[in-house]
Structure formats: structure tokens, C-alpha cells
């Protein structure tokens, strides 16, 4: 992990008013000039992880972190189930755009 990644993470956590203890920080995927690779962050406390996930919606209001998305760790089955739910949600929204649907 690059020094810049660590400083950006620190800045992000400060924005969320959190100071978590990090167990591990690493980049996922292969290096590419086309898109940024996700950063995997392992926290020592599950409670801190829940708190940060809860506050992550605040990032969309930030100029700096507007394009940052924090997602929870999911099993393969959970990812598959969520992907199917999101696909069904898109279909419903296209068929009935005047209604509000949530997962």
C-alpha cells in the first residue's frame, strides 16, 4: 500500500470523525491505468466497522470523498443474492418509475 493511500484513508476517517485501529490495508486487483483499484481495509473491531459503514452515507456530501463507496465484507452467496436483488430493483424501477422501491 502506498503512503498516499494511507494518508487518504486517514483523511477519510477524520471526515467521518472516526479513528479506527487498522489491522490490514491492501489494494485489490491488478494495477491499471484505466481505473483505480479498490482498497481493502481490515479493522480490529467489528463495532467500529459497523459505525463507519453507518456513517459512510455522509461521504456523498463531501467534495473530496463524493466518489468513494464503502462496502461491507460479504460472502460469495451474499454477493450473489445482493446482485440479484439489485437487478430485480432496477427492473421494478424501470417498469414503475413513479414508485419508490428500496432494498
Foldseek 3Di string as FASTA:
>chain_A
DDPVVVVVVVVVCVVLVHDFDWPDWDFDDDDDPPDGTDIDTHTPDPVSVVSCQVSVVCQCVDPVRVPDDDDDDDDPVVVVVVVVVVVVVVVVCVVPVPDDDDD
